[in-house]
């Protein structure tokens, strides 16, 4: 087929994108949640130390860090509460699912 005929071929489609926009961000969020859950299971004292560090920051930096780390901080506070264990796990799982649902890449229309 000549070059001119190939350019005029109506059946030829544009190449499909190989990656949905936002999938890298979603992968990062899933990885952060994986690290959080691993620390929660293996070394909760590390999360205690991180929370103490967060609370020890100057007010402006503490507010900024609360905004940046809000889902993870809320999950930690829920797990650190005095609720029954199954309720704590359920709340953490709910926070993870909602946050990953919000972070999931959406297909373009």
PDB file of N, CA and C in Angstrom:
ATOM      1  N   UNK A   1       0.856  -1.166   0.000  1.00  0.00           N
ATOM      2  CA  UNK A   1       0.000   0.000   0.000  1.00  0.00           C
ATOM      3  C   UNK A   1       0.905   1.233   0.000  1.00  0.00           C
ATOM      4  N   UNK A   2       0.583   2.150  -0.830  1.00  0.00           N
ATOM      5  CA  UNK A   2       1.427   3.340  -0.894  1.00  0.00           C
ATOM      6  C   UNK A   2       1.136   4.263   0.282  1.00  0.00           C
ATOM      7  N   UNK A   3       2.008   5.227   0.486  1.00  0.00           N
ATOM      8  CA  UNK A   3       1.872   6.168   1.606  1.00  0.00           C
ATOM      9  C   UNK A   3       0.586   6.973   1.479  1.00  0.00           C
ATOM     10  N   UNK A   4       0.221   7.388   0.297  1.00  0.00           N
ATOM     11  CA  UNK A   4      -0.991   8.200   0.097  1.00  0.00           C
ATOM     12  C   UNK A   4      -2.225   7.368   0.410  1.00  0.00           C
ATOM     13  N   UNK A   5      -2.252   6.131  -0.026  1.00  0.00           N
ATOM     14  CA  UNK A   5      -3.395   5.269   0.241  1.00  0.00           C
ATOM     15  C   UNK A   5      -3.514   4.973   1.735  1.00  0.00           C
ATOM     16  N   UNK A   6      -2.409   4.838   2.426  1.00  0.00           N
ATOM     17  CA  UNK A   6      -2.443   4.571   3.857  1.00  0.00           C
ATOM     18  C   UNK A   6      -2.963   5.770   4.620  1.00  0.00           C
ATOM     19  N   UNK A   7      -2.653   6.976   4.176  1.00  0.00           N
ATOM     20  CA  UNK A   7      -3.138   8.184   4.850  1.00  0.00           C
ATOM     21  C   UNK A   7      -4.627   8.393   4.635  1.00  0.00           C
ATOM     22  N   UNK A   8      -5.166   7.926   3.531  1.00  0.00           N
ATOM     23  CA  UNK A   8      -6.582   8.120   3.214  1.00  0.00           C
ATOM     24  C   UNK A   8      -7.456   6.965   3.693  1.00  0.00           C
ATOM     25  N   UNK A   9      -6.884   5.959   4.315  1.00  0.00           N
ATOM     26  CA  UNK A   9      -7.629   4.786   4.751  1.00  0.00           C
ATOM     27  C   UNK A   9      -8.578   5.182   5.884  1.00  0.00           C
ATOM     28  N   UNK A  10      -9.916   5.106   5.674  1.00  0.00           N
ATOM     29  CA  UNK A  10     -10.864   5.511   6.714  1.00  0.00           C
ATOM     30  C   UNK A  10     -10.945   4.514   7.863  1.00  0.00           C
ATOM     31  N   UNK A  11     -10.461   3.290   7.679  1.00  0.00           N
ATOM     32  CA  UNK A  11     -10.533   2.284   8.732  1.00  0.00           C
ATOM     33  C   UNK A  11      -9.393   2.397   9.739  1.00  0.00           C
ATOM     34  N   UNK A  12      -8.432   3.214   9.421  1.00  0.00           N
ATOM     35  CA  UNK A  12      -7.285   3.372  10.316  1.00  0.00           C
ATOM     36  C   UNK A  12      -7.685   4.273  11.486  1.00  0.00           C
ATOM     37  N   UNK A  13      -7.445   3.797  12.700  1.00  0.00           N
ATOM     38  CA  UNK A  13      -7.837   4.534  13.909  1.00  0.00           C
ATOM     39  C   UNK A  13      -6.617   5.133  14.578  1.00  0.00           C
ATOM     40  N   UNK A  14      -6.879   6.128  15.417  1.00  0.00           N
ATOM     41  CA  UNK A  14      -5.807   6.719  16.213  1.00  0.00           C
ATOM     42  C   UNK A  14      -5.364   5.702  17.257  1.00  0.00           C
ATOM     43  N   UNK A  15      -4.096   5.699  17.588  1.00  0.00           N
ATOM     44  CA  UNK A  15      -3.634   4.734  18.594  1.00  0.00           C
ATOM     45  C   UNK A  15      -4.278   5.007  19.952  1.00  0.00           C
ATOM     46  N   UNK A  16      -4.608   3.942  20.632  1.00  0.00           N
ATOM     47  CA  UNK A  16      -5.228   4.062  21.950  1.00  0.00           C
ATOM     48  C   UNK A  16      -4.167   4.446  22.980  1.00  0.00           C
ATOM     49  N   UNK A  17      -4.534   5.273  23.960  1.00  0.00           N
ATOM     50  CA  UNK A  17      -3.556   5.604  24.998  1.00  0.00           C
ATOM     51  C   UNK A  17      -3.214   4.357  25.804  1.00  0.00           C
ATOM     52  N   UNK A  18      -1.972   4.283  26.240  1.00  0.00           N
ATOM     53  CA  UNK A  18      -1.543   3.088  26.964  1.00  0.00           C
ATOM     54  C   UNK A  18      -1.816   3.180  28.458  1.00  0.00           C
ATOM     55  N   UNK A  19      -2.095   4.387  28.944  1.00  0.00           N
ATOM     56  CA  UNK A  19      -2.304   4.552  30.379  1.00  0.00           C
ATOM     57  C   UNK A  19      -3.421   5.565  30.603  1.00  0.00           C
ATOM     58  N   UNK A  20      -4.328   5.244  31.498  1.00  0.00           N
ATOM     59  CA  UNK A  20      -5.404   6.161  31.842  1.00  0.00           C
ATOM     60  C   UNK A  20      -4.817   7.300  32.673  1.00  0.00           C
ATOM     61  N   UNK A  21      -5.127   8.550  32.344  1.00  0.00           N
ATOM     62  CA  UNK A  21      -4.596   9.653  33.162  1.00  0.00           C
ATOM     63  C   UNK A  21      -5.018   9.500  34.618  1.00  0.00           C
ATOM     64  N   UNK A  22      -4.083   9.674  35.503  1.00  0.00           N
ATOM     65  CA  UNK A  22      -4.371   9.558  36.926  1.00  0.00           C
ATOM     66  C   UNK A  22      -4.015   8.215  37.521  1.00  0.00           C
ATOM     67  N   UNK A  23      -3.606   7.259  36.693  1.00  0.00           N
ATOM     68  CA  UNK A  23      -3.306   5.938  37.243  1.00  0.00           C
ATOM     69  C   UNK A  23      -2.013   5.946  38.059  1.00  0.00           C
ATOM     70  N   UNK A  24      -1.086   6.845  37.743  1.00  0.00           N
ATOM     71  CA  UNK A  24       0.130   6.949  38.548  1.00  0.00           C
ATOM     72  C   UNK A  24      -0.209   7.464  39.942  1.00  0.00           C
ATOM     73  N   UNK A  25      -1.075   8.470  40.011  1.00  0.00           N
ATOM     74  CA  UNK A  25      -1.515   9.002  41.304  1.00  0.00           C
ATOM     75  C   UNK A  25      -2.228   7.918  42.106  1.00  0.00           C
ATOM     76  N   UNK A  26      -3.086   7.153  41.449  1.00  0.00           N
ATOM     77  CA  UNK A  26      -3.800   6.083  42.123  1.00  0.00           C
ATOM     78  C   UNK A  26      -2.820   5.032  42.655  1.00  0.00           C
ATOM     79  N   UNK A  27      -1.815   4.695  41.864  1.00  0.00           N
ATOM     80  CA  UNK A  27      -0.800   3.751  42.314  1.00  0.00           C
ATOM     81  C   UNK A  27      -0.046   4.265  43.528  1.00  0.00           C
ATOM     82  N   UNK A  28       0.258   5.565  43.537  1.00  0.00           N
ATOM     83  CA  UNK A  28       0.923   6.170  44.684  1.00  0.00           C
ATOM     84  C   UNK A  28       0.042   6.098  45.931  1.00  0.00           C
ATOM     85  N   UNK A  29      -1.242   6.419  45.783  1.00  0.00           N
ATOM     86  CA  UNK A  29      -2.162   6.363  46.926  1.00  0.00           C
ATOM     87  C   UNK A  29      -2.317   4.932  47.439  1.00  0.00           C
ATOM     88  N   UNK A  30      -2.424   3.971  46.528  1.00  0.00           N
ATOM     89  CA  UNK A  30      -2.538   2.568  46.944  1.00  0.00           C
ATOM     90  C   UNK A  30      -1.264   2.120  47.665  1.00  0.00           C
ATOM     91  N   UNK A  31      -0.117   2.566  47.179  1.00  0.00           N
ATOM     92  CA  UNK A  31       1.140   2.229  47.847  1.00  0.00           C
ATOM     93  C   UNK A  31       1.241   2.837  49.236  1.00  0.00           C
ATOM     94  N   UNK A  32       0.793   4.083  49.380  1.00  0.00           N
ATOM     95  CA  UNK A  32       0.805   4.726  50.695  1.00  0.00           C
ATOM     96  C   UNK A  32      -0.136   4.017  51.660  1.00  0.00           C
ATOM     97  N   UNK A  33      -1.291   3.606  51.170  1.00  0.00           N
ATOM     98  CA  UNK A  33      -2.212   2.865  52.031  1.00  0.00           C
ATOM     99  C   UNK A  33      -1.617   1.506  52.406  1.00  0.00           C
ATOM    100  N   UNK A  34      -0.931   0.873  51.466  1.00  0.00           N
ATOM    101  CA  UNK A  34      -0.277  -0.397  51.767  1.00  0.00           C
ATOM    102  C   UNK A  34       0.777  -0.234  52.854  1.00  0.00           C
ATOM    103  N   UNK A  35       1.557   0.844  52.749  1.00  0.00           N
ATOM    104  CA  UNK A  35       2.576   1.116  53.772  1.00  0.00           C
ATOM    105  C   UNK A  35       1.924   1.403  55.118  1.00  0.00           C
ATOM    106  N   UNK A  36       0.819   2.157  55.107  1.00  0.00           N
ATOM    107  CA  UNK A  36       0.117   2.482  56.348  1.00  0.00           C
ATOM    108  C   UNK A  36      -0.409   1.215  57.017  1.00  0.00           C
ATOM    109  N   UNK A  37      -1.064   0.361  56.258  1.00  0.00           N
ATOM    110  CA  UNK A  37      -1.636  -0.863  56.829  1.00  0.00           C
ATOM    111  C   UNK A  37      -0.521  -1.783  57.322  1.00  0.00           C
ATOM    112  N   UNK A  38       0.592  -1.834  56.586  1.00  0.00           N
ATOM    113  CA  UNK A  38       1.719  -2.651  57.026  1.00  0.00           C
ATOM    114  C   UNK A  38       2.280  -2.130  58.351  1.00  0.00           C
ATOM    115  N   UNK A  39       2.463  -0.809  58.453  1.00  0.00           N
ATOM    116  CA  UNK A  39       2.938  -0.235  59.713  1.00  0.00           C
ATOM    117  C   UNK A  39       1.942  -0.457  60.845  1.00  0.00           C
ATOM    118  N   UNK A  40       0.669  -0.373  60.527  1.00  0.00           N
ATOM    119  CA  UNK A  40      -0.362  -0.589  61.542  1.00  0.00           C
ATOM    120  C   UNK A  40      -0.295  -2.013  62.082  1.00  0.00           C
ATOM    121  N   UNK A  41      -0.014  -2.962  61.206  1.00  0.00           N
ATOM    122  CA  UNK A  41       0.037  -4.366  61.633  1.00  0.00           C
ATOM    123  C   UNK A  41       1.377  -4.725  62.276  1.00  0.00           C
ATOM    124  N   UNK A  42       2.474  -4.204  61.739  1.00  0.00           N
ATOM    125  CA  UNK A  42       3.800  -4.630  62.171  1.00  0.00           C
ATOM    126  C   UNK A  42       4.364  -3.745  63.273  1.00  0.00           C
ATOM    127  N   UNK A  43       4.220  -2.440  63.136  1.00  0.00           N
ATOM    128  CA  UNK A  43       4.869  -1.521  64.062  1.00  0.00           C
ATOM    129  C   UNK A  43       3.982  -0.312  64.366  1.00  0.00           C
ATOM    130  N   UNK A  44       2.943  -0.498  65.161  1.00  0.00           N
ATOM    131  CA  UNK A  44       2.071   0.637  65.476  1.00  0.00           C
ATOM    132  C   UNK A  44       2.786   1.734  66.265  1.00  0.00           C
ATOM    133  N   UNK A  45       3.892   1.408  66.923  1.00  0.00           N
ATOM    134  CA  UNK A  45       4.620   2.451  67.657  1.00  0.00           C
ATOM    135  C   UNK A  45       5.233   3.466  66.703  1.00  0.00           C
ATOM    136  N   UNK A  46       5.565   3.045  65.487  1.00  0.00           N
ATOM    137  CA  UNK A  46       6.059   3.986  64.485  1.00  0.00           C
ATOM    138  C   UNK A  46       4.976   4.998  64.132  1.00  0.00           C
ATOM    139  N   UNK A  47       3.747   4.531  63.997  1.00  0.00           N
ATOM    140  CA  UNK A  47       2.642   5.449  63.722  1.00  0.00           C
ATOM    141  C   UNK A  47       2.369   6.342  64.931  1.00  0.00           C
ATOM    142  N   UNK A  48       2.530   5.811  66.135  1.00  0.00           N
ATOM    143  CA  UNK A  48       2.393   6.641  67.337  1.00  0.00           C
ATOM    144  C   UNK A  48       3.420   7.763  67.328  1.00  0.00           C
ATOM    145  N   UNK A  49       4.656   7.421  66.994  1.00  0.00           N
ATOM    146  CA  UNK A  49       5.716   8.433  66.935  1.00  0.00           C
ATOM    147  C   UNK A  49       5.441   9.470  65.856  1.00  0.00           C
ATOM    148  N   UNK A  50       4.930   9.027  64.705  1.00  0.00           N
ATOM    149  CA  UNK A  50       4.613   9.964  63.626  1.00  0.00           C
ATOM    150  C   UNK A  50       3.485  10.903  64.041  1.00  0.00           C
ATOM    151  N   UNK A  51       2.494  10.372  64.743  1.00  0.00           N
ATOM    152  CA  UNK A  51       1.393  11.221  65.206  1.00  0.00           C
ATOM    153  C   UNK A  51       1.875  12.213  66.268  1.00  0.00           C
ATOM    154  N   UNK A  52       2.738  11.767  67.166  1.00  0.00           N
ATOM    155  CA  UNK A  52       3.307  12.680  68.167  1.00  0.00           C
ATOM    156  C   UNK A  52       4.131  13.778  67.496  1.00  0.00           C
ATOM    157  N   UNK A  53       4.882  13.411  66.442  1.00  0.00           N
ATOM    158  CA  UNK A  53       5.638  14.408  65.693  1.00  0.00           C
ATOM    159  C   UNK A  53       4.706  15.429  65.047  1.00  0.00           C
ATOM    160  N   UNK A  54       3.603  14.931  64.468  1.00  0.00           N
ATOM    161  CA  UNK A  54       2.628  15.822  63.835  1.00  0.00           C
ATOM    162  C   UNK A  54       2.043  16.797  64.848  1.00  0.00           C
ATOM    163  N   UNK A  55       1.705  16.295  66.015  1.00  0.00           N
ATOM    164  CA  UNK A  55       1.115  17.152  67.050  1.00  0.00           C
ATOM    165  C   UNK A  55       2.127  18.136  67.639  1.00  0.00           C
ATOM    166  N   UNK A  56       3.425  17.859  67.494  1.00  0.00           N
ATOM    167  CA  UNK A  56       4.456  18.728  68.040  1.00  0.00           C
ATOM    168  C   UNK A  56       4.895  19.839  67.106  1.00  0.00           C
ATOM    169  N   UNK A  57       4.373  19.857  65.890  1.00  0.00           N
ATOM    170  CA  UNK A  57       4.741  20.896  64.931  1.00  0.00           C
ATOM    171  C   UNK A  57       4.146  22.239  65.325  1.00  0.00           C
ATOM    172  N   UNK A  58       4.729  23.347  64.858  1.00  0.00           N
ATOM    173  CA  UNK A  58       4.075  24.646  65.039  1.00  0.00           C
ATOM    174  C   UNK A  58       2.696  24.621  64.367  1.00  0.00           C
ATOM    175  N   UNK A  59       1.786  25.452  64.867  1.00  0.00           N
ATOM    176  CA  UNK A  59       0.371  25.378  64.467  1.00  0.00           C
ATOM    177  C   UNK A  59       0.186  25.468  62.956  1.00  0.00           C
ATOM    178  N   UNK A  60       0.870  26.384  62.299  1.00  0.00           N
ATOM    179  CA  UNK A  60       0.682  26.550  60.856  1.00  0.00           C
ATOM    180  C   UNK A  60       1.108  25.286  60.115  1.00  0.00           C
ATOM    181  N   UNK A  61       2.262  24.721  60.481  1.00  0.00           N
ATOM    182  CA  UNK A  61       2.725  23.500  59.841  1.00  0.00           C
ATOM    183  C   UNK A  61       1.844  22.303  60.198  1.00  0.00           C
ATOM    184  N   UNK A  62       1.343  22.285  61.434  1.00  0.00           N
ATOM    185  CA  UNK A  62       0.456  21.193  61.833  1.00  0.00           C
ATOM    186  C   UNK A  62      -0.830  21.202  61.006  1.00  0.00           C
ATOM    187  N   UNK A  63      -1.399  22.381  60.797  1.00  0.00           N
ATOM    188  CA  UNK A  63      -2.616  22.483  59.985  1.00  0.00           C
ATOM    189  C   UNK A  63      -2.338  22.031  58.556  1.00  0.00           C
ATOM    190  N   UNK A  64      -1.212  22.467  58.001  1.00  0.00           N
ATOM    191  CA  UNK A  64      -0.851  22.068  56.641  1.00  0.00           C
ATOM    192  C   UNK A  64      -0.673  20.554  56.542  1.00  0.00           C
ATOM    193  N   UNK A  65      -0.004  19.965  57.524  1.00  0.00           N
ATOM    194  CA  UNK A  65       0.206  18.513  57.501  1.00  0.00           C
ATOM    195  C   UNK A  65      -1.096  17.742  57.721  1.00  0.00           C
ATOM    196  N   UNK A  66      -2.010  18.289  58.517  1.00  0.00           N
ATOM    197  CA  UNK A  66      -3.320  17.656  58.679  1.00  0.00           C
ATOM    198  C   UNK A  66      -4.055  17.626  57.342  1.00  0.00           C
ATOM    199  N   UNK A  67      -3.955  18.696  56.581  1.00  0.00           N
ATOM    200  CA  UNK A  67      -4.625  18.743  55.279  1.00  0.00           C
ATOM    201  C   UNK A  67      -4.001  17.724  54.325  1.00  0.00           C
ATOM    202  N   UNK A  68      -2.668  17.648  54.316  1.00  0.00           N
ATOM    203  CA  UNK A  68      -1.971  16.755  53.394  1.00  0.00           C
ATOM    204  C   UNK A  68      -2.192  15.283  53.760  1.00  0.00           C
ATOM    205  N   UNK A  69      -2.208  14.978  55.048  1.00  0.00           N
ATOM    206  CA  UNK A  69      -2.277  13.579  55.497  1.00  0.00           C
ATOM    207  C   UNK A  69      -3.630  13.219  56.107  1.00  0.00           C
ATOM    208  N   UNK A  70      -4.665  13.949  55.783  1.00  0.00           N
ATOM    209  CA  UNK A  70      -5.964  13.771  56.442  1.00  0.00           C
ATOM    210  C   UNK A  70      -6.500  12.335  56.419  1.00  0.00           C
ATOM    211  N   UNK A  71      -6.563  11.646  55.283  1.00  0.00           N
ATOM    212  CA  UNK A  71      -7.138  10.284  55.324  1.00  0.00           C
ATOM    213  C   UNK A  71      -6.344   9.334  56.226  1.00  0.00           C
ATOM    214  N   UNK A  72      -5.018   9.415  56.165  1.00  0.00           N
ATOM    215  CA  UNK A  72      -4.182   8.520  56.973  1.00  0.00           C
ATOM    216  C   UNK A  72      -4.271   8.882  58.455  1.00  0.00           C
ATOM    217  N   UNK A  73      -4.322  10.171  58.747  1.00  0.00           N
ATOM    218  CA  UNK A  73      -4.428  10.593  60.146  1.00  0.00           C
ATOM    219  C   UNK A  73      -5.776  10.187  60.724  1.00  0.00           C
ATOM    220  N   UNK A  74      -6.843  10.347  59.960  1.00  0.00           N
ATOM    221  CA  UNK A  74      -8.161   9.912  60.441  1.00  0.00           C
ATOM    222  C   UNK A  74      -8.201   8.403  60.652  1.00  0.00           C
ATOM    223  N   UNK A  75      -7.586   7.657  59.742  1.00  0.00           N
ATOM    224  CA  UNK A  75      -7.557   6.201  59.907  1.00  0.00           C
ATOM    225  C   UNK A  75      -6.764   5.826  61.152  1.00  0.00           C
ATOM    226  N   UNK A  76      -5.658   6.519  61.393  1.00  0.00           N
ATOM    227  CA  UNK A  76      -4.869   6.241  62.597  1.00  0.00           C
ATOM    228  C   UNK A  76      -5.671   6.573  63.854  1.00  0.00           C
ATOM    229  N   UNK A  77      -6.334   7.717  63.865  1.00  0.00           N
ATOM    230  CA  UNK A  77      -7.127   8.103  65.039  1.00  0.00           C
ATOM    231  C   UNK A  77      -8.267   7.124  65.287  1.00  0.00           C
ATOM    232  N   UNK A  78      -8.885   6.629  64.212  1.00  0.00           N
ATOM    233  CA  UNK A  78      -9.952   5.642  64.376  1.00  0.00           C
ATOM    234  C   UNK A  78      -9.394   4.348  64.965  1.00  0.00           C
ATOM    235  N   UNK A  79      -8.217   3.944  64.488  1.00  0.00           N
ATOM    236  CA  UNK A  79      -7.632   2.701  64.999  1.00  0.00           C
ATOM    237  C   UNK A  79      -7.094   2.859  66.415  1.00  0.00           C
ATOM    238  N   UNK A  80      -6.710   4.059  66.784  1.00  0.00           N
ATOM    239  CA  UNK A  80      -6.162   4.321  68.116  1.00  0.00           C
ATOM    240  C   UNK A  80      -7.260   4.588  69.154  1.00  0.00           C
ATOM    241  N   UNK A  81      -8.509   4.605  68.702  1.00  0.00           N
ATOM    242  CA  UNK A  81      -9.615   4.903  69.619  1.00  0.00           C
ATOM    243  C   UNK A  81      -9.894   3.720  70.549  1.00  0.00           C
ATOM    244  N   UNK A  82     -10.830   3.899  71.449  1.00  0.00           N
ATOM    245  CA  UNK A  82     -11.165   2.862  72.416  1.00  0.00           C
ATOM    246  C   UNK A  82     -12.292   1.950  71.964  1.00  0.00           C
ATOM    247  N   UNK A  83     -12.630   1.979  70.697  1.00  0.00           N
ATOM    248  CA  UNK A  83     -13.705   1.147  70.181  1.00  0.00           C
ATOM    249  C   UNK A  83     -13.289  -0.316  70.163  1.00  0.00           C
ATOM    250  N   UNK A  84     -14.262  -1.176  69.940  1.00  0.00           N
ATOM    251  CA  UNK A  84     -13.955  -2.596  69.781  1.00  0.00           C
ATOM    252  C   UNK A  84     -13.121  -2.792  68.523  1.00  0.00           C
ATOM    253  N   UNK A  85     -12.315  -3.852  68.529  1.00  0.00           N
ATOM    254  CA  UNK A  85     -11.354  -4.060  67.437  1.00  0.00           C
ATOM    255  C   UNK A  85     -12.034  -4.168  66.074  1.00  0.00           C
ATOM    256  N   UNK A  86     -13.140  -4.902  65.997  1.00  0.00           N
ATOM    257  CA  UNK A  86     -13.794  -5.079  64.706  1.00  0.00           C
ATOM    258  C   UNK A  86     -14.349  -3.755  64.187  1.00  0.00           C
ATOM    259  N   UNK A  87     -14.775  -2.859  65.064  1.00  0.00           N
ATOM    260  CA  UNK A  87     -15.276  -1.548  64.634  1.00  0.00           C
ATOM    261  C   UNK A  87     -14.117  -0.709  64.105  1.00  0.00           C
ATOM    262  N   UNK A  88     -12.978  -0.760  64.804  1.00  0.00           N
ATOM    263  CA  UNK A  88     -11.799  -0.016  64.354  1.00  0.00           C
ATOM    264  C   UNK A  88     -11.373  -0.470  62.960  1.00  0.00           C
ATOM    265  N   UNK A  89     -11.308  -1.783  62.769  1.00  0.00           N
ATOM    266  CA  UNK A  89     -10.901  -2.325  61.469  1.00  0.00           C
ATOM    267  C   UNK A  89     -11.906  -1.935  60.395  1.00  0.00           C
ATOM    268  N   UNK A  90     -13.181  -2.004  60.709  1.00  0.00           N
ATOM    269  CA  UNK A  90     -14.221  -1.635  59.740  1.00  0.00           C
ATOM    270  C   UNK A  90     -14.119  -0.164  59.337  1.00  0.00           C
ATOM    271  N   UNK A  91     -13.887   0.714  60.302  1.00  0.00           N
ATOM    272  CA  UNK A  91     -13.761   2.144  59.998  1.00  0.00           C
ATOM    273  C   UNK A  91     -12.519   2.408  59.154  1.00  0.00           C
ATOM    274  N   UNK A  92     -11.403   1.771  59.472  1.00  0.00           N
ATOM    275  CA  UNK A  92     -10.179   1.955  58.679  1.00  0.00           C
ATOM    276  C   UNK A  92     -10.400   1.451  57.258  1.00  0.00           C
ATOM    277  N   UNK A  93     -11.011   0.294  57.109  1.00  0.00           N
ATOM    278  CA  UNK A  93     -11.280  -0.242  55.769  1.00  0.00           C
ATOM    279  C   UNK A  93     -12.207   0.701  55.004  1.00  0.00           C
ATOM    280  N   UNK A  94     -13.202   1.245  55.659  1.00  0.00           N
ATOM    281  CA  UNK A  94     -14.115   2.192  55.009  1.00  0.00           C
ATOM    282  C   UNK A  94     -13.371   3.444  54.543  1.00  0.00           C
ATOM    283  N   UNK A  95     -12.487   3.974  55.373  1.00  0.00           N
ATOM    284  CA  UNK A  95     -11.700   5.150  54.990  1.00  0.00           C
ATOM    285  C   UNK A  95     -10.812   4.825  53.789  1.00  0.00           C
ATOM    286  N   UNK A  96     -10.170   3.660  53.807  1.00  0.00           N
ATOM    287  CA  UNK A  96      -9.299   3.258  52.701  1.00  0.00           C
ATOM    288  C   UNK A  96     -10.096   3.140  51.405  1.00  0.00           C
ATOM    289  N   UNK A  97     -11.235   2.465  51.457  1.00  0.00           N
ATOM    290  CA  UNK A  97     -12.046   2.248  50.255  1.00  0.00           C
ATOM    291  C   UNK A  97     -12.569   3.569  49.702  1.00  0.00           C
ATOM    292  N   UNK A  98     -13.043   4.444  50.565  1.00  0.00           N
ATOM    293  CA  UNK A  98     -13.559   5.741  50.098  1.00  0.00           C
ATOM    294  C   UNK A  98     -12.437   6.565  49.486  1.00  0.00           C
ATOM    295  N   UNK A  99     -11.280   6.621  50.141  1.00  0.00           N
ATOM    296  CA  UNK A  99     -10.181   7.423  49.608  1.00  0.00           C
ATOM    297  C   UNK A  99      -9.662   6.869  48.285  1.00  0.00           C
ATOM    298  N   UNK A 100      -9.515   5.548  48.183  1.00  0.00           N
ATOM    299  CA  UNK A 100      -9.070   4.977  46.916  1.00  0.00           C
ATOM    300  C   UNK A 100     -10.142   5.113  45.832  1.00  0.00           C
ATOM    301  N   UNK A 101     -11.407   5.089  46.229  1.00  0.00           N
ATOM    302  CA  UNK A 101     -12.476   5.323  45.258  1.00  0.00           C
ATOM    303  C   UNK A 101     -12.444   6.738  44.698  1.00  0.00           C
ATOM    304  N   UNK A 102     -12.118   7.692  45.553  1.00  0.00           N
ATOM    305  CA  UNK A 102     -11.997   9.082  45.102  1.00  0.00           C
ATOM    306  C   UNK A 102     -10.746   9.245  44.242  1.00  0.00           C
ATOM    307  N   UNK A 103      -9.677   8.540  44.587  1.00  0.00           N
ATOM    308  CA  UNK A 103      -8.399   8.666  43.878  1.00  0.00           C
ATOM    309  C   UNK A 103      -8.347   7.857  42.589  1.00  0.00           C
ATOM    310  N   UNK A 104      -9.281   6.970  42.378  1.00  0.00           N
ATOM    311  CA  UNK A 104      -9.243   6.088  41.204  1.00  0.00           C
ATOM    312  C   UNK A 104      -9.345   6.902  39.917  1.00  0.00           C
ATOM    313  N   UNK A 105      -8.580   6.514  38.906  1.00  0.00           N
ATOM    314  CA  UNK A 105      -8.649   7.246  37.638  1.00  0.00           C
ATOM    315  C   UNK A 105      -9.995   7.041  36.967  1.00  0.00           C
ATOM    316  N   UNK A 106     -10.462   8.083  36.370  1.00  0.00           N
ATOM    317  CA  UNK A 106     -11.745   8.043  35.660  1.00  0.00           C
ATOM    318  C   UNK A 106     -11.477   8.001  34.162  1.00  0.00           C
ATOM    319  N   UNK A 107     -12.229   7.201  33.443  1.00  0.00           N
ATOM    320  CA  UNK A 107     -12.079   7.123  31.999  1.00  0.00           C
ATOM    321  C   UNK A 107     -12.606   8.404  31.360  1.00  0.00           C
ATOM    322  N   UNK A 108     -11.860   8.907  30.381  1.00  0.00           N
ATOM    323  CA  UNK A 108     -12.291  10.118  29.699  1.00  0.00           C
ATOM    324  C   UNK A 108     -13.420   9.795  28.742  1.00  0.00           C
ATOM    325  N   UNK A 109     -14.329  10.720  28.597  1.00  0.00           N
ATOM    326  CA  UNK A 109     -15.470  10.496  27.703  1.00  0.00           C
ATOM    327  C   UNK A 109     -15.216  11.071  26.350  1.00  0.00           C
TER     328      UNK A 109
END
